[in-house]
């Protein structure tokens, strides 16, 4: 019965998870954009530099709370990101759904843009999203293993517990498919020292959840980690 309740929660969160919650600018919005937002969406560096000479509000937002930096991140306009940050744009600002640029890149599995953001000084430690999660939890949920490794290296909190009472390790199991990329996420978290004794609201550890889902490779991984910790 316990796992039935967990499975039901999984279905709900899969429908409302970070990939669905993030809202990129639509084509119609991009057509309406002006100023910094328009330059960021198009990757128009010449226009961007011209606008910056007038010292505009670098953190002005659209109707969804997105700054030009958010727009550039969604559009993978990495040179625009660099120019905006050098001009003083807020790297860690949250949009209306409480996503920062780092989490946007993490959810998109955009390792290169994430690398640029982190190199420019963006934080991997912010609490983001309606779930009070982190970019690391979102990436583990989605099986974005390269992103997970980058975020861990940047100091992301591996044991953060979101408001669903799930850690990155738990999400890699309960929201994953048990496949290679989710296994790599879990392995990276284990190697980073994630606490595998932390449980969900029903007292289930990542190991118990992996067993319940029939993820044999994850079970072996977690059993080895658990035995080594004793």
Protein backbone atom coordinates (compact mmCIF):
# COMPACT_ATOMS: atom_id res chain seq x y z
CA UNK A 1 0.00 0.00 0.00
CA UNK A 2 2.86 2.36 0.79
CA UNK A 3 4.40 1.95 -2.62
CA UNK A 4 1.00 2.39 -4.25
CA UNK A 5 0.83 5.86 -2.70
CA UNK A 6 4.38 6.58 -3.86
CA UNK A 7 3.55 5.45 -7.39
CA UNK A 8 0.53 7.74 -7.45
CA UNK A 9 2.73 10.66 -6.36
CA UNK A 10 5.17 9.79 -9.12
CA UNK A 11 2.44 10.01 -11.74
CA UNK A 12 1.36 13.42 -10.47
CA UNK A 13 4.87 14.83 -10.41
CA UNK A 14 5.71 13.38 -13.82
CA UNK A 15 2.79 15.38 -15.17
CA UNK A 16 3.84 18.52 -13.30
CA UNK A 17 7.61 18.05 -13.17
CA UNK A 18 10.32 20.60 -13.99
CA UNK A 19 10.30 19.98 -17.73
CA UNK A 20 6.59 20.78 -17.89
CA UNK A 21 6.70 23.62 -15.35
CA UNK A 22 9.31 25.62 -17.22
CA UNK A 23 7.83 27.89 -19.85
CA UNK A 24 10.10 29.01 -22.67
CA UNK A 25 9.16 32.13 -24.65
CA UNK A 26 6.70 31.26 -27.39
CA UNK A 27 7.23 32.29 -31.00
CA UNK A 28 4.52 34.91 -30.56
CA UNK A 29 6.22 36.34 -27.49
CA UNK A 30 9.54 36.50 -29.28
CA UNK A 31 7.96 38.45 -32.13
CA UNK A 32 6.63 40.98 -29.62
CA UNK A 33 9.91 41.32 -27.75
CA UNK A 34 11.72 44.62 -27.88
CA UNK A 35 15.02 45.88 -26.55
CA UNK A 36 17.24 43.49 -24.62
CA UNK A 37 14.76 40.64 -24.78
CA UNK A 38 14.59 40.83 -28.57
CA UNK A 39 18.37 40.97 -28.92
CA UNK A 40 18.78 38.06 -26.50
CA UNK A 41 16.23 35.88 -28.31
CA UNK A 42 17.89 36.51 -31.69
CA UNK A 43 21.47 36.43 -30.47
CA UNK A 44 21.97 39.88 -31.98
CA UNK A 45 25.21 40.98 -30.34
CA UNK A 46 25.51 44.23 -32.30
CA UNK A 47 22.04 45.33 -31.21
CA UNK A 48 22.73 44.17 -27.67
CA UNK A 49 25.90 46.26 -27.45
CA UNK A 50 24.09 49.28 -28.84
CA UNK A 51 21.33 48.91 -26.26
CA UNK A 52 23.79 48.49 -23.42
CA UNK A 53 25.39 51.86 -24.19
CA UNK A 54 22.14 53.47 -23.04
CA UNK A 55 22.44 51.66 -19.68
CA UNK A 56 19.02 49.94 -19.69
CA UNK A 57 17.56 47.95 -16.81
CA UNK A 58 19.41 44.67 -17.28
CA UNK A 59 16.93 42.80 -15.11
CA UNK A 60 13.71 44.07 -16.72
CA UNK A 61 11.22 41.23 -17.12
CA UNK A 62 8.58 40.11 -19.59
CA UNK A 63 5.07 39.08 -18.56
CA UNK A 64 6.38 35.74 -17.31
CA UNK A 65 9.13 37.27 -15.20
CA UNK A 66 11.89 36.33 -17.63
CA UNK A 67 14.87 38.63 -17.90
CA UNK A 68 16.93 38.90 -21.07
CA UNK A 69 19.35 36.46 -19.44
CA UNK A 70 16.59 33.88 -19.01
CA UNK A 71 15.60 34.37 -22.64
CA UNK A 72 19.21 33.98 -23.79
CA UNK A 73 19.49 30.78 -21.75
CA UNK A 74 16.35 29.28 -23.28
CA UNK A 75 17.67 30.26 -26.73
CA UNK A 76 21.19 28.91 -26.04
CA UNK A 77 22.67 32.28 -26.92
CA UNK A 78 25.88 31.84 -24.95
CA UNK A 79 27.70 34.94 -26.21
CA UNK A 80 24.68 37.01 -25.21
CA UNK A 81 24.84 35.48 -21.74
CA UNK A 82 28.49 36.46 -21.41
CA UNK A 83 27.84 40.04 -22.52
CA UNK A 84 24.83 40.46 -20.23
CA UNK A 85 26.71 39.12 -17.22
CA UNK A 86 29.70 41.34 -17.91
CA UNK A 87 27.31 44.27 -18.06
CA UNK A 88 25.91 43.36 -14.63
CA UNK A 89 22.83 41.19 -15.26
CA UNK A 90 21.65 39.14 -12.28
CA UNK A 91 22.72 35.54 -12.90
CA UNK A 92 20.64 34.13 -10.08
CA UNK A 93 17.30 35.86 -10.60
CA UNK A 94 14.20 33.66 -10.61
CA UNK A 95 11.34 33.95 -13.11
CA UNK A 96 7.68 33.58 -12.19
CA UNK A 97 7.86 29.80 -11.71
CA UNK A 98 11.01 30.30 -9.63
CA UNK A 99 13.50 28.98 -12.15
CA UNK A 100 16.96 30.50 -12.54
CA UNK A 101 19.15 30.27 -15.62
CA UNK A 102 21.10 27.31 -14.20
CA UNK A 103 17.94 25.25 -13.70
CA UNK A 104 16.68 26.24 -17.15
CA UNK A 105 19.89 24.93 -18.72
CA UNK A 106 19.83 21.83 -16.49
CA UNK A 107 16.28 20.90 -17.50
CA UNK A 108 17.16 21.45 -21.18
CA UNK A 109 20.15 19.08 -20.84
CA UNK A 110 22.19 21.97 -22.23
CA UNK A 111 25.63 21.20 -20.84
CA UNK A 112 27.47 23.89 -22.80
CA UNK A 113 25.18 26.73 -21.72
CA UNK A 114 25.34 25.45 -18.15
CA UNK A 115 29.13 25.46 -18.38
CA UNK A 116 29.06 29.09 -19.51
CA UNK A 117 26.67 30.11 -16.72
CA UNK A 118 28.75 28.44 -14.03
CA UNK A 119 31.97 29.93 -15.42
CA UNK A 120 30.34 33.36 -15.24
CA UNK A 121 29.59 32.86 -11.56
CA UNK A 122 26.06 31.45 -11.48
CA UNK A 123 25.20 29.46 -8.36
CA UNK A 124 24.42 25.74 -8.41
CA UNK A 125 23.02 26.03 -4.87
CA UNK A 126 19.80 27.97 -5.32
CA UNK A 127 16.44 26.64 -4.18
CA UNK A 128 14.24 26.82 -7.25
CA UNK A 129 10.84 25.82 -8.62
CA UNK A 130 7.43 25.37 -7.00
CA UNK A 131 8.84 22.19 -5.45
CA UNK A 132 11.55 24.03 -3.48
CA UNK A 133 14.07 21.90 -5.30
CA UNK A 134 17.40 22.53 -6.98
CA UNK A 135 18.84 22.30 -10.46
CA UNK A 136 20.53 19.07 -9.35
CA UNK A 137 17.25 17.45 -8.33
CA UNK A 138 15.69 18.45 -11.66
CA UNK A 139 18.63 17.05 -13.62
CA UNK A 140 18.62 13.77 -11.67
CA UNK A 141 14.87 13.44 -12.25
CA UNK A 142 15.39 13.77 -16.00
CA UNK A 143 18.50 11.59 -16.26
CA UNK A 144 20.77 14.41 -17.41
CA UNK A 145 23.94 12.78 -16.18
CA UNK A 146 26.46 15.23 -17.63
CA UNK A 147 24.54 18.10 -16.08
CA UNK A 148 24.44 16.26 -12.75
CA UNK A 149 28.22 15.90 -12.79
CA UNK A 150 28.71 19.57 -13.61
CA UNK A 151 26.38 20.69 -10.84
CA UNK A 152 28.03 18.45 -8.26
CA UNK A 153 31.44 19.83 -9.25
CA UNK A 154 30.02 23.34 -8.82
CA UNK A 155 28.97 22.61 -5.25
CA UNK A 156 25.29 21.76 -5.65
CA UNK A 157 23.83 20.40 -2.38
CA UNK A 158 23.53 16.66 -2.97
CA UNK A 159 21.23 16.05 0.00
CA UNK A 160 18.74 18.87 -0.46
CA UNK A 161 15.19 17.67 0.26
CA UNK A 162 12.41 19.30 -1.74
CA UNK A 163 8.84 19.87 -0.58
CA UNK A 164 7.84 16.44 -1.92
CA UNK A 165 10.40 15.07 0.56
CA UNK A 166 12.61 13.78 -2.24
CA UNK A 167 16.35 14.14 -2.73
CA UNK A 168 18.21 13.99 -6.04
CA UNK A 169 19.02 10.32 -5.38
CA UNK A 170 15.37 9.51 -4.69
CA UNK A 171 14.22 11.35 -7.81
CA UNK A 172 16.77 9.53 -9.96
CA UNK A 173 14.97 6.35 -8.90
CA UNK A 174 11.28 7.22 -8.58
CA UNK A 175 11.11 9.56 -11.58
CA UNK A 176 13.67 7.76 -13.71
CA UNK A 177 13.35 4.82 -16.07
CA UNK A 178 16.13 2.75 -14.53
CA UNK A 179 18.17 3.17 -17.71
CA UNK A 180 21.81 4.03 -18.22
CA UNK A 181 21.53 7.80 -17.90
CA UNK A 182 19.57 7.63 -14.65
CA UNK A 183 22.04 5.03 -13.39
CA UNK A 184 24.89 7.42 -14.17
CA UNK A 185 23.09 10.19 -12.28
CA UNK A 186 22.68 7.94 -9.27
CA UNK A 187 26.30 6.79 -9.44
CA UNK A 188 27.52 10.39 -9.56
CA UNK A 189 25.43 11.20 -6.49
CA UNK A 190 26.77 8.15 -4.65
CA UNK A 191 30.34 9.11 -5.51
CA UNK A 192 29.64 12.64 -4.25
CA UNK A 193 28.66 11.22 -0.87
CA UNK A 194 24.88 11.55 -1.06
CA UNK A 195 23.17 10.24 2.08
CA UNK A 196 21.40 7.11 0.93
CA UNK A 197 19.64 6.70 4.29
CA UNK A 198 17.43 9.73 3.64
CA UNK A 199 13.86 8.62 2.98
CA UNK A 200 10.73 9.86 1.30
CA UNK A 201 7.59 10.69 3.28
CA UNK A 202 6.76 7.00 3.50
CA UNK A 203 10.11 6.01 5.00
CA UNK A 204 11.43 4.54 1.73
CA UNK A 205 15.15 4.83 0.94
CA UNK A 206 16.48 4.97 -2.63
CA UNK A 207 17.39 1.29 -2.29
CA UNK A 208 13.88 0.28 -1.20
CA UNK A 209 12.38 2.32 -4.02
CA UNK A 210 14.75 0.79 -6.60
CA UNK A 211 13.79 -2.70 -5.41
CA UNK A 212 10.09 -1.85 -5.60
CA UNK A 213 10.48 -0.58 -9.15
CA UNK A 214 12.51 -3.58 -10.27
CA UNK A 215 15.57 -1.54 -11.23
CA UNK A 216 18.14 -4.31 -10.76
CA UNK A 217 21.19 -2.28 -11.81
CA UNK A 218 20.31 0.53 -9.42
CA UNK A 219 19.65 -2.00 -6.66
CA UNK A 220 23.13 -3.48 -7.09
CA UNK A 221 24.68 -0.01 -7.14
CA UNK A 222 22.90 1.04 -3.96
CA UNK A 223 23.60 -2.26 -2.19
CA UNK A 224 27.31 -1.89 -2.87
CA UNK A 225 27.24 1.72 -1.66
CA UNK A 226 25.29 0.76 1.45
CA UNK A 227 27.63 -2.10 2.32
CA UNK A 228 30.64 0.17 1.86
CA UNK A 229 29.19 2.74 4.21
CA UNK A 230 28.92 0.25 7.10
